[in-house]
N, C-alpha and C. Protein backbone atom coordinates (compact mmCIF):
# COMPACT_ATOMS: atom_id res chain seq x y z
N MET A 1 11.90 20.32 -23.26
CA MET A 1 12.37 18.88 -23.04
C MET A 1 11.69 18.02 -21.52
N SER A 2 11.04 17.31 -21.49
CA SER A 2 10.45 17.03 -20.28
C SER A 2 11.76 15.94 -19.24
N ARG A 3 11.64 16.75 -18.00
CA ARG A 3 12.49 15.74 -17.01
C ARG A 3 12.70 14.44 -16.78
N VAL A 4 11.50 13.93 -16.87
CA VAL A 4 11.21 12.75 -16.68
C VAL A 4 11.46 12.07 -17.95
N GLY A 5 10.73 12.46 -19.07
CA GLY A 5 10.46 11.84 -20.07
C GLY A 5 11.78 11.63 -20.81
N LYS A 6 12.82 12.56 -20.86
CA LYS A 6 14.00 12.59 -21.42
C LYS A 6 15.43 11.52 -20.84
N GLN A 7 15.07 10.62 -19.63
CA GLN A 7 15.81 9.86 -18.80
C GLN A 7 15.47 8.56 -19.34
N PRO A 8 16.46 7.77 -19.99
CA PRO A 8 16.34 6.59 -20.55
C PRO A 8 16.25 5.20 -19.22
N ILE A 9 15.43 4.29 -19.63
CA ILE A 9 14.73 3.41 -18.57
C ILE A 9 15.61 2.14 -18.68
N PRO A 10 16.82 2.31 -17.40
CA PRO A 10 17.50 1.28 -17.68
C PRO A 10 16.59 -0.47 -17.70
N LEU A 11 17.36 -1.47 -18.36
CA LEU A 11 16.45 -2.61 -18.31
C LEU A 11 17.34 -3.59 -17.69
N PRO A 12 16.72 -4.01 -16.00
CA PRO A 12 17.54 -5.08 -15.33
C PRO A 12 17.81 -6.31 -16.04
N GLN A 13 18.43 -7.27 -15.20
CA GLN A 13 18.63 -8.46 -16.12
C GLN A 13 17.62 -9.27 -16.32
N GLY A 14 17.08 -9.97 -17.16
CA GLY A 14 16.43 -11.02 -17.34
C GLY A 14 15.02 -10.03 -17.56
N VAL A 15 14.67 -9.03 -17.91
CA VAL A 15 13.35 -8.26 -18.45
C VAL A 15 13.49 -8.25 -20.10
N GLU A 16 12.47 -8.25 -20.93
CA GLU A 16 12.51 -8.26 -21.94
C GLU A 16 11.39 -7.10 -22.48
N VAL A 17 11.44 -6.01 -23.34
CA VAL A 17 10.67 -5.24 -23.69
C VAL A 17 10.67 -5.00 -25.31
N ASN A 18 9.44 -5.77 -25.29
CA ASN A 18 9.00 -5.74 -27.20
C ASN A 18 7.98 -4.64 -27.56
N VAL A 19 8.17 -3.75 -28.27
CA VAL A 19 7.40 -2.57 -28.96
C VAL A 19 6.68 -2.68 -30.27
N GLN A 20 5.13 -3.19 -30.02
CA GLN A 20 4.59 -3.70 -31.49
C GLN A 20 3.45 -2.06 -31.36
N GLY A 21 4.00 -1.86 -32.70
CA GLY A 21 2.86 -0.65 -33.24
C GLY A 21 2.44 -0.05 -31.69
N ARG A 22 1.64 0.29 -31.31
CA ARG A 22 0.98 1.19 -30.00
C ARG A 22 1.16 0.60 -29.04
N GLU A 23 1.55 -0.79 -28.86
CA GLU A 23 1.68 -1.59 -27.76
C GLU A 23 3.25 -1.73 -26.99
N VAL A 24 3.06 -1.94 -25.58
CA VAL A 24 4.67 -2.29 -25.42
C VAL A 24 4.30 -3.29 -24.15
N LYS A 25 4.92 -4.56 -24.44
CA LYS A 25 5.32 -5.93 -23.89
C LYS A 25 6.09 -5.80 -22.85
N VAL A 26 6.24 -5.64 -21.69
CA VAL A 26 7.45 -5.96 -20.79
C VAL A 26 7.14 -7.48 -20.33
N LYS A 27 8.00 -8.25 -20.22
CA LYS A 27 7.90 -9.30 -19.58
C LYS A 27 9.27 -9.76 -18.81
N GLY A 28 9.15 -10.41 -17.18
CA GLY A 28 10.03 -10.48 -16.42
C GLY A 28 10.01 -11.30 -15.54
N PRO A 29 10.61 -11.66 -14.27
CA PRO A 29 10.68 -12.68 -13.65
C PRO A 29 9.35 -13.08 -12.74
N LYS A 30 8.69 -11.75 -12.74
CA LYS A 30 7.30 -11.58 -11.65
C LYS A 30 6.13 -12.13 -12.78
N GLY A 31 6.33 -12.02 -13.98
CA GLY A 31 5.12 -11.77 -14.73
C GLY A 31 5.28 -10.88 -15.93
N ALA A 32 4.32 -10.47 -16.78
CA ALA A 32 4.24 -9.75 -17.98
C ALA A 32 2.94 -8.67 -17.94
N LEU A 33 3.35 -7.74 -18.12
CA LEU A 33 2.33 -6.36 -18.46
C LEU A 33 2.24 -5.87 -19.80
N ASP A 34 1.30 -5.22 -20.30
CA ASP A 34 1.22 -5.00 -21.51
C ASP A 34 0.45 -3.15 -21.16
N LEU A 35 0.88 -2.50 -21.73
CA LEU A 35 0.46 -0.97 -22.22
C LEU A 35 0.42 -0.81 -23.28
N GLU A 36 -0.58 0.46 -23.60
CA GLU A 36 -0.68 1.11 -24.74
C GLU A 36 -0.45 2.54 -24.75
N TYR A 37 0.10 3.53 -25.77
CA TYR A 37 0.48 4.85 -25.50
C TYR A 37 -0.04 5.43 -26.80
N ARG A 38 0.08 6.49 -27.11
CA ARG A 38 -0.58 7.19 -27.91
C ARG A 38 0.71 7.50 -29.05
N ILE A 39 0.61 6.55 -30.25
CA ILE A 39 1.56 6.70 -31.04
C ILE A 39 1.85 7.94 -32.01
N ASP A 40 0.79 9.05 -31.94
CA ASP A 40 0.68 10.23 -32.70
C ASP A 40 1.48 10.95 -32.04
N PHE A 41 1.80 10.71 -30.81
CA PHE A 41 2.35 12.05 -30.22
C PHE A 41 3.84 11.52 -29.65
N VAL A 42 3.85 10.72 -29.10
CA VAL A 42 5.19 10.15 -28.55
C VAL A 42 5.84 8.64 -29.43
N GLU A 43 7.18 8.15 -29.03
CA GLU A 43 7.80 6.94 -29.58
C GLU A 43 8.53 6.02 -29.03
N VAL A 44 8.07 4.89 -28.35
CA VAL A 44 8.74 4.16 -27.44
C VAL A 44 9.81 3.42 -28.21
N ALA A 45 11.10 3.04 -27.90
CA ALA A 45 12.15 2.34 -28.82
C ALA A 45 12.39 1.53 -27.52
N ALA A 46 13.00 -0.15 -27.60
CA ALA A 46 14.07 -0.70 -26.60
C ALA A 46 15.31 -0.87 -27.50
N VAL A 47 16.23 -0.08 -26.94
CA VAL A 47 17.86 0.17 -27.44
C VAL A 47 18.75 -0.68 -26.74
N GLY A 48 19.17 -1.59 -27.04
CA GLY A 48 20.26 -2.34 -25.95
C GLY A 48 19.38 -2.50 -24.84
N ASN A 49 20.10 -2.60 -24.01
CA ASN A 49 19.37 -2.79 -22.46
C ASN A 49 19.06 -1.63 -21.60
N GLN A 50 18.33 -0.49 -22.75
CA GLN A 50 17.15 0.30 -22.34
C GLN A 50 16.41 0.56 -23.00
N VAL A 51 15.01 1.10 -22.39
CA VAL A 51 13.82 1.82 -23.14
C VAL A 51 14.18 3.38 -23.25
N VAL A 52 14.06 3.88 -24.63
CA VAL A 52 14.01 5.14 -24.55
C VAL A 52 12.54 5.95 -25.44
N VAL A 53 12.18 6.85 -24.44
CA VAL A 53 10.57 7.60 -24.96
C VAL A 53 11.09 9.02 -25.74
N ARG A 54 10.65 8.86 -26.84
CA ARG A 54 10.89 10.28 -27.61
C ARG A 54 9.73 10.83 -27.83
N ARG A 55 9.41 12.44 -28.05
CA ARG A 55 8.20 13.00 -28.87
C ARG A 55 8.45 13.25 -29.99
N LYS A 56 7.01 13.49 -30.58
CA LYS A 56 6.86 13.40 -32.12
C LYS A 56 6.95 15.17 -32.62
N GLY A 57 6.47 15.57 -31.47
CA GLY A 57 6.34 17.05 -31.73
C GLY A 57 6.44 17.84 -30.36
N GLU A 58 6.26 19.01 -30.47
CA GLU A 58 6.40 20.46 -29.30
C GLU A 58 5.06 20.95 -29.06
N THR A 59 4.14 20.09 -29.45
CA THR A 59 2.53 20.42 -28.84
C THR A 59 2.76 19.96 -27.26
N LYS A 60 1.35 20.39 -26.70
CA LYS A 60 1.35 20.75 -25.47
C LYS A 60 1.06 19.44 -25.04
N GLU A 61 -0.03 18.39 -25.73
CA GLU A 61 -0.25 17.25 -25.64
C GLU A 61 1.22 16.40 -25.57
N ALA A 62 2.09 16.72 -26.59
CA ALA A 62 2.91 15.72 -26.73
C ALA A 62 3.88 15.54 -25.58
N MET A 63 4.14 16.90 -25.04
CA MET A 63 4.81 17.02 -24.19
C MET A 63 4.25 16.69 -22.92
N ALA A 64 2.95 16.61 -22.52
CA ALA A 64 2.50 16.01 -21.28
C ALA A 64 2.86 14.57 -21.40
N LEU A 65 2.26 13.85 -22.87
CA LEU A 65 2.43 12.36 -23.14
C LEU A 65 3.80 12.10 -22.77
N HIS A 66 4.84 12.98 -22.83
CA HIS A 66 6.35 12.26 -22.75
C HIS A 66 6.46 11.74 -21.79
N GLY A 67 6.42 12.51 -20.57
CA GLY A 67 6.78 11.76 -18.91
C GLY A 67 5.75 11.14 -18.86
N LEU A 68 4.85 11.12 -19.13
CA LEU A 68 3.66 10.10 -18.63
C LEU A 68 3.90 8.95 -19.01
N THR A 69 4.34 8.73 -20.71
CA THR A 69 4.60 7.66 -21.17
C THR A 69 5.66 6.65 -20.45
N ARG A 70 6.52 7.49 -20.19
CA ARG A 70 8.32 7.27 -19.55
C ARG A 70 7.68 6.37 -18.30
N SER A 71 6.86 7.28 -17.76
CA SER A 71 6.62 7.18 -16.10
C SER A 71 5.73 5.47 -16.43
N LEU A 72 4.86 5.35 -17.21
CA LEU A 72 4.23 4.14 -17.15
C LEU A 72 4.97 2.87 -17.52
N VAL A 73 5.91 3.07 -18.33
CA VAL A 73 6.61 2.11 -18.93
C VAL A 73 7.78 1.40 -17.99
N ALA A 74 8.28 2.89 -17.20
CA ALA A 74 9.48 2.36 -15.82
C ALA A 74 8.03 1.83 -14.74
N ASN A 75 7.22 1.97 -14.75
CA ASN A 75 6.41 1.09 -13.34
C ASN A 75 6.28 -0.16 -13.76
N ALA A 76 5.95 -0.32 -15.28
CA ALA A 76 5.84 -1.92 -15.80
C ALA A 76 7.26 -2.61 -15.65
N VAL A 77 8.21 -2.14 -15.93
CA VAL A 77 9.37 -2.65 -15.77
C VAL A 77 9.57 -3.21 -14.10
N GLU A 78 9.66 -2.03 -13.40
CA GLU A 78 9.76 -1.95 -11.64
C GLU A 78 8.38 -3.08 -11.11
N GLY A 79 7.76 -3.12 -11.85
CA GLY A 79 6.24 -4.41 -11.39
C GLY A 79 7.14 -5.60 -11.51
N VAL A 80 7.66 -5.74 -13.04
CA VAL A 80 7.92 -7.35 -13.38
C VAL A 80 9.03 -7.64 -12.81
N THR A 81 10.01 -6.55 -12.23
CA THR A 81 10.87 -7.08 -11.50
C THR A 81 10.77 -7.25 -9.72
N GLN A 82 10.30 -6.36 -9.30
CA GLN A 82 10.18 -6.06 -7.61
C GLN A 82 8.54 -6.42 -7.31
N GLY A 83 7.75 -5.91 -7.93
CA GLY A 83 6.34 -5.60 -7.53
C GLY A 83 5.91 -4.41 -7.03
N PHE A 84 4.92 -4.07 -6.35
CA PHE A 84 4.52 -3.32 -5.78
C PHE A 84 3.59 -3.90 -4.73
N SER A 85 3.58 -2.72 -3.46
CA SER A 85 2.67 -3.45 -2.40
C SER A 85 2.16 -1.84 -1.72
N LYS A 86 0.85 -1.80 -1.12
CA LYS A 86 0.27 -0.86 -0.57
C LYS A 86 0.14 -1.84 1.00
N ASN A 87 0.51 -1.11 2.41
CA ASN A 87 -0.08 -1.30 3.57
C ASN A 87 -1.14 -0.79 3.69
N LEU A 88 -1.98 -1.32 4.70
CA LEU A 88 -3.57 -0.83 4.99
C LEU A 88 -3.49 -1.46 6.54
N GLU A 89 -3.76 -0.49 7.60
CA GLU A 89 -4.06 -0.75 9.19
C GLU A 89 -5.64 -0.74 9.09
N LEU A 90 -5.86 -1.58 10.32
CA LEU A 90 -7.69 -1.42 10.91
C LEU A 90 -7.01 -0.80 12.36
N PHE A 91 -7.89 0.47 12.26
CA PHE A 91 -7.91 0.77 13.93
C PHE A 91 -9.51 0.94 14.31
N GLY A 92 -9.50 0.26 15.40
CA GLY A 92 -10.97 0.27 16.67
C GLY A 92 -11.23 -0.75 16.92
N VAL A 93 -11.62 -0.77 18.20
CA VAL A 93 -12.34 -2.23 18.92
C VAL A 93 -13.01 -3.39 17.74
N GLY A 94 -12.52 -4.51 18.39
CA GLY A 94 -13.35 -5.54 17.47
C GLY A 94 -13.01 -5.48 15.82
N TYR A 95 -12.63 -4.59 15.23
CA TYR A 95 -12.08 -4.89 13.94
C TYR A 95 -11.39 -5.76 13.45
N ARG A 96 -11.70 -6.60 12.57
CA ARG A 96 -10.42 -7.93 12.21
C ARG A 96 -10.47 -7.89 10.53
N ALA A 97 -9.49 -8.66 10.39
CA ALA A 97 -9.77 -8.85 8.73
C ALA A 97 -9.02 -10.50 8.64
N GLU A 98 -9.66 -10.95 7.97
CA GLU A 98 -8.92 -12.75 7.39
C GLU A 98 -9.13 -12.91 5.96
N VAL A 99 -8.43 -13.37 5.46
CA VAL A 99 -8.27 -13.62 3.71
C VAL A 99 -8.39 -15.22 3.98
N GLU A 100 -9.39 -15.33 3.01
CA GLU A 100 -9.81 -17.03 2.96
C GLU A 100 -9.97 -17.26 1.33
N GLY A 101 -9.18 -17.93 1.04
CA GLY A 101 -9.22 -18.23 -0.87
C GLY A 101 -8.69 -17.20 -1.40
N GLY A 102 -8.24 -16.25 -0.96
CA GLY A 102 -7.69 -15.06 -1.83
C GLY A 102 -8.77 -14.18 -1.24
N LYS A 103 -9.68 -14.16 -0.78
CA LYS A 103 -11.16 -13.14 -0.63
C LYS A 103 -11.12 -12.65 0.60
N LEU A 104 -11.01 -11.64 0.83
CA LEU A 104 -10.79 -10.37 2.06
C LEU A 104 -12.23 -10.31 3.01
N SER A 105 -12.25 -10.76 3.80
CA SER A 105 -13.47 -10.71 4.83
C SER A 105 -13.28 -9.62 6.12
N LEU A 106 -14.21 -8.73 5.69
CA LEU A 106 -13.38 -7.40 7.06
C LEU A 106 -14.69 -7.51 8.01
N ASN A 107 -14.55 -7.21 9.08
CA ASN A 107 -15.66 -7.02 10.41
C ASN A 107 -15.00 -5.39 10.96
N VAL A 108 -15.50 -4.43 10.56
CA VAL A 108 -15.20 -3.14 10.66
C VAL A 108 -16.37 -2.18 11.31
N GLY A 109 -17.47 -2.81 12.33
CA GLY A 109 -18.16 -2.02 12.60
C GLY A 109 -19.39 -2.09 12.33
N TYR A 110 -19.48 -2.58 11.14
CA TYR A 110 -21.20 -2.77 10.75
C TYR A 110 -21.92 -3.93 11.35
N SER A 111 -23.33 -3.97 11.15
CA SER A 111 -23.37 -4.96 11.69
C SER A 111 -23.53 -6.72 10.77
N HIS A 112 -23.23 -6.72 9.79
CA HIS A 112 -22.49 -7.23 8.80
C HIS A 112 -21.22 -7.83 8.26
N GLN A 113 -20.60 -8.55 8.19
CA GLN A 113 -19.40 -8.75 7.51
C GLN A 113 -19.03 -8.43 6.11
N VAL A 114 -18.12 -7.50 5.88
CA VAL A 114 -17.77 -7.18 4.24
C VAL A 114 -17.05 -7.90 3.92
N ASP A 115 -17.41 -8.52 2.34
CA ASP A 115 -16.37 -9.26 2.01
C ASP A 115 -15.93 -8.36 0.63
N TYR A 116 -14.73 -8.71 0.05
CA TYR A 116 -14.06 -8.08 -0.88
C TYR A 116 -12.90 -8.89 -1.38
N GLU A 117 -13.17 -9.26 -2.97
CA GLU A 117 -12.87 -10.08 -3.97
C GLU A 117 -12.13 -9.27 -4.71
N PRO A 118 -10.96 -9.38 -4.81
CA PRO A 118 -10.04 -8.40 -5.34
C PRO A 118 -9.86 -9.19 -7.13
N PRO A 119 -9.53 -8.33 -7.87
CA PRO A 119 -9.12 -8.41 -9.59
C PRO A 119 -7.80 -9.64 -9.48
N SER A 120 -8.30 -10.07 -10.77
CA SER A 120 -6.73 -11.39 -10.90
C SER A 120 -5.29 -10.27 -10.75
N GLY A 121 -4.63 -10.93 -10.45
CA GLY A 121 -3.07 -10.26 -10.58
C GLY A 121 -2.92 -9.44 -9.38
N VAL A 122 -3.64 -9.47 -8.43
CA VAL A 122 -3.51 -8.88 -7.01
C VAL A 122 -3.64 -10.04 -5.97
N GLU A 123 -2.63 -9.94 -5.03
CA GLU A 123 -2.62 -10.85 -3.74
C GLU A 123 -2.86 -9.76 -2.54
N LEU A 124 -3.85 -10.30 -1.61
CA LEU A 124 -4.15 -10.28 -0.38
C LEU A 124 -3.47 -10.65 0.60
N GLU A 125 -2.68 -10.07 1.77
CA GLU A 125 -2.35 -10.65 3.00
C GLU A 125 -2.55 -10.15 4.34
N VAL A 126 -2.84 -11.01 5.40
CA VAL A 126 -3.21 -10.08 6.54
C VAL A 126 -2.38 -10.49 7.53
N THR A 127 -1.46 -9.58 7.86
CA THR A 127 -0.12 -9.65 8.75
C THR A 127 -0.52 -9.35 10.29
N PRO A 128 0.17 -9.85 11.38
CA PRO A 128 -0.26 -9.12 12.74
C PRO A 128 0.13 -7.72 12.37
N PRO A 129 -0.36 -7.32 14.01
CA PRO A 129 -0.78 -5.76 13.80
C PRO A 129 0.49 -5.22 14.33
N VAL A 130 0.55 -3.65 13.85
CA VAL A 130 1.78 -3.31 14.15
C VAL A 130 1.55 -1.82 14.66
N ALA A 131 1.76 -1.35 15.60
CA ALA A 131 1.82 0.19 16.02
C ALA A 131 0.64 0.53 16.46
N GLY A 132 -0.24 -0.72 17.00
CA GLY A 132 -1.60 -0.31 17.91
C GLY A 132 -2.81 -0.58 17.04
N ALA A 133 -2.56 -0.96 15.83
CA ALA A 133 -3.44 -1.36 14.90
C ALA A 133 -3.87 -2.78 15.00
N GLN A 134 -5.28 -3.15 14.85
CA GLN A 134 -5.81 -4.48 15.33
C GLN A 134 -5.34 -5.59 14.22
N ALA A 135 -4.71 -5.12 12.69
CA ALA A 135 -4.53 -5.68 11.53
C ALA A 135 -3.79 -5.07 10.85
N ARG A 136 -2.97 -5.78 9.81
CA ARG A 136 -2.45 -5.29 8.79
C ARG A 136 -2.85 -5.98 7.68
N ILE A 137 -3.54 -5.47 6.57
CA ILE A 137 -3.73 -5.48 5.19
C ILE A 137 -2.49 -5.61 4.46
N VAL A 138 -1.94 -6.50 3.57
CA VAL A 138 -0.98 -6.46 2.74
C VAL A 138 -1.59 -6.51 1.25
N VAL A 139 -1.68 -5.29 0.37
CA VAL A 139 -1.58 -5.65 -1.18
C VAL A 139 -0.86 -5.26 -1.66
N SER A 140 -0.41 -6.57 -2.92
CA SER A 140 0.64 -6.44 -3.87
C SER A 140 0.39 -7.15 -4.92
N GLY A 141 1.17 -6.69 -5.65
CA GLY A 141 1.03 -7.17 -7.06
C GLY A 141 2.00 -6.28 -8.17
N ILE A 142 1.91 -6.70 -9.72
CA ILE A 142 3.05 -6.01 -10.25
C ILE A 142 2.36 -5.09 -11.04
N ASP A 143 1.14 -4.91 -11.48
CA ASP A 143 0.47 -3.59 -11.91
C ASP A 143 0.28 -2.47 -10.48
N LYS A 144 1.20 -1.73 -10.92
CA LYS A 144 1.11 -0.46 -9.47
C LYS A 144 -0.42 0.16 -9.72
N GLN A 145 -0.92 0.62 -10.86
CA GLN A 145 -2.58 1.08 -11.11
C GLN A 145 -3.70 0.30 -10.18
N LYS A 146 -3.29 -1.00 -10.40
CA LYS A 146 -4.44 -2.36 -10.09
C LYS A 146 -4.14 -2.21 -8.05
N VAL A 147 -2.72 -2.08 -7.68
CA VAL A 147 -2.82 -2.58 -6.74
C VAL A 147 -2.81 -1.14 -5.72
N GLY A 148 -2.80 -0.28 -6.32
CA GLY A 148 -3.26 1.41 -5.55
C GLY A 148 -4.93 1.22 -5.58
N GLN A 149 -5.65 0.98 -7.07
CA GLN A 149 -7.07 1.01 -7.11
C GLN A 149 -7.52 -0.15 -5.84
N VAL A 150 -7.16 -1.52 -5.73
CA VAL A 150 -7.52 -2.21 -4.81
C VAL A 150 -7.19 -1.57 -3.57
N ALA A 151 -6.35 -0.90 -3.26
CA ALA A 151 -6.04 -0.61 -1.66
C ALA A 151 -7.08 0.81 -1.66
N ALA A 152 -7.41 1.50 -2.43
CA ALA A 152 -8.37 2.48 -2.21
C ALA A 152 -9.75 1.83 -2.06
N GLU A 153 -10.26 1.04 -2.64
CA GLU A 153 -11.73 0.36 -2.81
C GLU A 153 -11.00 -0.52 -0.82
N ILE A 154 -10.49 -1.06 -0.67
CA ILE A 154 -10.78 -1.70 0.86
C ILE A 154 -10.76 -0.22 1.78
N ARG A 155 -9.87 0.47 1.76
CA ARG A 155 -10.02 1.71 2.83
C ARG A 155 -11.38 2.29 2.44
N GLN A 156 -12.08 2.14 1.38
CA GLN A 156 -13.23 3.15 1.44
C GLN A 156 -14.42 2.44 2.09
N LYS A 157 -14.00 1.28 2.22
CA LYS A 157 -15.54 0.11 3.34
C LYS A 157 -15.46 0.96 4.26
N ARG A 158 -14.07 1.45 5.30
CA ARG A 158 -14.33 2.03 6.29
C ARG A 158 -13.13 3.27 6.61
N LYS A 159 -13.83 4.38 5.69
CA LYS A 159 -12.54 5.72 5.69
C LYS A 159 -12.38 5.78 7.11
N PRO A 160 -11.08 6.39 7.67
CA PRO A 160 -11.08 6.53 8.94
C PRO A 160 -12.29 7.99 9.73
N ASP A 161 -12.47 7.85 10.77
CA ASP A 161 -13.09 8.45 11.40
C ASP A 161 -12.22 9.74 12.07
N PRO A 162 -12.84 11.20 11.60
CA PRO A 162 -11.82 11.99 12.49
C PRO A 162 -12.08 12.65 13.55
N TYR A 163 -12.97 11.88 14.27
CA TYR A 163 -13.29 11.87 15.53
C TYR A 163 -12.14 10.84 16.79
N LYS A 164 -12.53 9.90 16.27
CA LYS A 164 -11.73 8.85 17.11
C LYS A 164 -10.55 8.30 16.10
N GLY A 165 -10.95 8.15 15.06
CA GLY A 165 -9.84 7.53 14.36
C GLY A 165 -9.78 6.41 14.18
N LYS A 166 -10.85 5.93 14.10
CA LYS A 166 -11.01 4.34 13.85
C LYS A 166 -11.31 4.15 12.41
N GLY A 167 -11.19 3.32 11.71
CA GLY A 167 -11.27 2.62 10.31
C GLY A 167 -10.19 2.46 9.67
N ILE A 168 -10.35 1.90 8.26
CA ILE A 168 -9.13 1.58 7.26
C ILE A 168 -8.30 2.71 7.38
N ARG A 169 -6.45 2.38 7.43
CA ARG A 169 -6.29 3.68 6.76
C ARG A 169 -4.86 3.10 6.31
N TYR A 170 -4.27 4.01 5.48
CA TYR A 170 -2.66 3.58 4.73
C TYR A 170 -1.98 3.72 5.88
N GLU A 171 -0.84 2.83 5.81
CA GLU A 171 -0.08 2.99 6.77
C GLU A 171 0.73 4.11 6.74
N ASN A 172 1.10 4.81 7.42
CA ASN A 172 1.89 6.06 7.94
C ASN A 172 0.56 7.63 7.55
N GLU A 173 -0.32 7.28 7.40
CA GLU A 173 -1.45 8.19 6.92
C GLU A 173 -1.78 9.19 8.27
N VAL A 174 -1.67 10.13 7.94
CA VAL A 174 -2.00 11.38 8.90
C VAL A 174 -3.35 11.59 9.06
N ILE A 175 -4.12 11.15 10.41
CA ILE A 175 -5.45 11.63 9.87
C ILE A 175 -5.65 13.11 10.84
N HIS A 176 -6.55 13.96 10.25
CA HIS A 176 -6.25 15.42 10.65
C HIS A 176 -7.38 15.41 11.97
N TRP A 177 -7.48 15.02 13.13
CA TRP A 177 -8.41 15.17 13.77
C TRP A 177 -9.15 16.22 14.27
N LYS A 178 -10.58 16.16 14.38
CA LYS A 178 -11.68 17.02 14.96
C LYS A 178 -12.07 17.26 16.14
N ALA A 179 -12.31 18.55 16.88
CA ALA A 179 -12.00 18.46 18.16
C ALA A 179 -13.74 18.01 18.45
N GLY A 180 -14.38 17.52 19.84
CA GLY A 180 -15.19 17.07 19.74
C GLY A 180 -16.39 18.15 20.47
N LYS A 181 -17.75 18.03 20.74
CA LYS A 181 -18.22 19.33 21.04
C LYS A 181 -17.85 19.61 22.17
N ALA A 182 -17.92 21.09 22.61
CA ALA A 182 -17.34 21.68 23.95
C ALA A 182 -18.49 21.71 24.82
N ALA A 183 -18.32 21.54 25.99
CA ALA A 183 -19.05 21.31 26.87
C ALA A 183 -20.05 22.95 27.23
N VAL A 184 -21.36 22.87 27.47
CA VAL A 184 -21.73 24.49 27.56
C VAL A 184 -21.75 24.16 29.16
N ALA A 185 -21.29 25.41 29.79
CA ALA A 185 -21.25 25.62 30.96
C ALA A 185 -22.64 26.39 31.62
C-alpha cells in the first residue's frame, strides 16, 4: 500500500469536491480547479469531509498512480484554499524587474529588455529587494504546476552564473561557485 496514497485528504471549511467519471472538480474560496485521473487504475471518492483515493489492482502502474493521484488532489485542495507562491531573486548590477498590466519586464544584462506574459491564473508581483538582491519576483496562483512552470521559465531568461552569481535564482537556491582562471607565474 502506498504510504502517501492511503492517507485521506481532509477538506477544509468551504471546499467542495465533485467526482464525475474521470474528472475531479475542486472548488474553494480562491477559485476552482479541474483535474483528470486514470479511472482504470485508481478510484477517487468524496466521503463526508474528506477525499479517499483507492487503487483497483496491484499492478505496478496502479501502485504508482495511487500516490500520484492522491498528491494531485491534495495539491488542488491546498491551492483553492491557500494558494501557492514561488519567490525569485535578481542578482547583478543594473538588473531590474517591473510588472505593468500583468506583464513582466526584465532588464537582466542583455542589450534589450526581456518581456514575459504569464498564463491565465498566475499572478506576478515585484517586491522590494531582500538580502543583497536587486529585486524579488513573486509568482503566485492556485495551480501548483503552473506556478512552478512560470517560475522556471522566468529563471530561464537569465540563469545564475557559476562564476559571479549574477542572474535570476530561486529564493534560498544554493549556487555552486566555480573558481576562475588561475594566474600563471
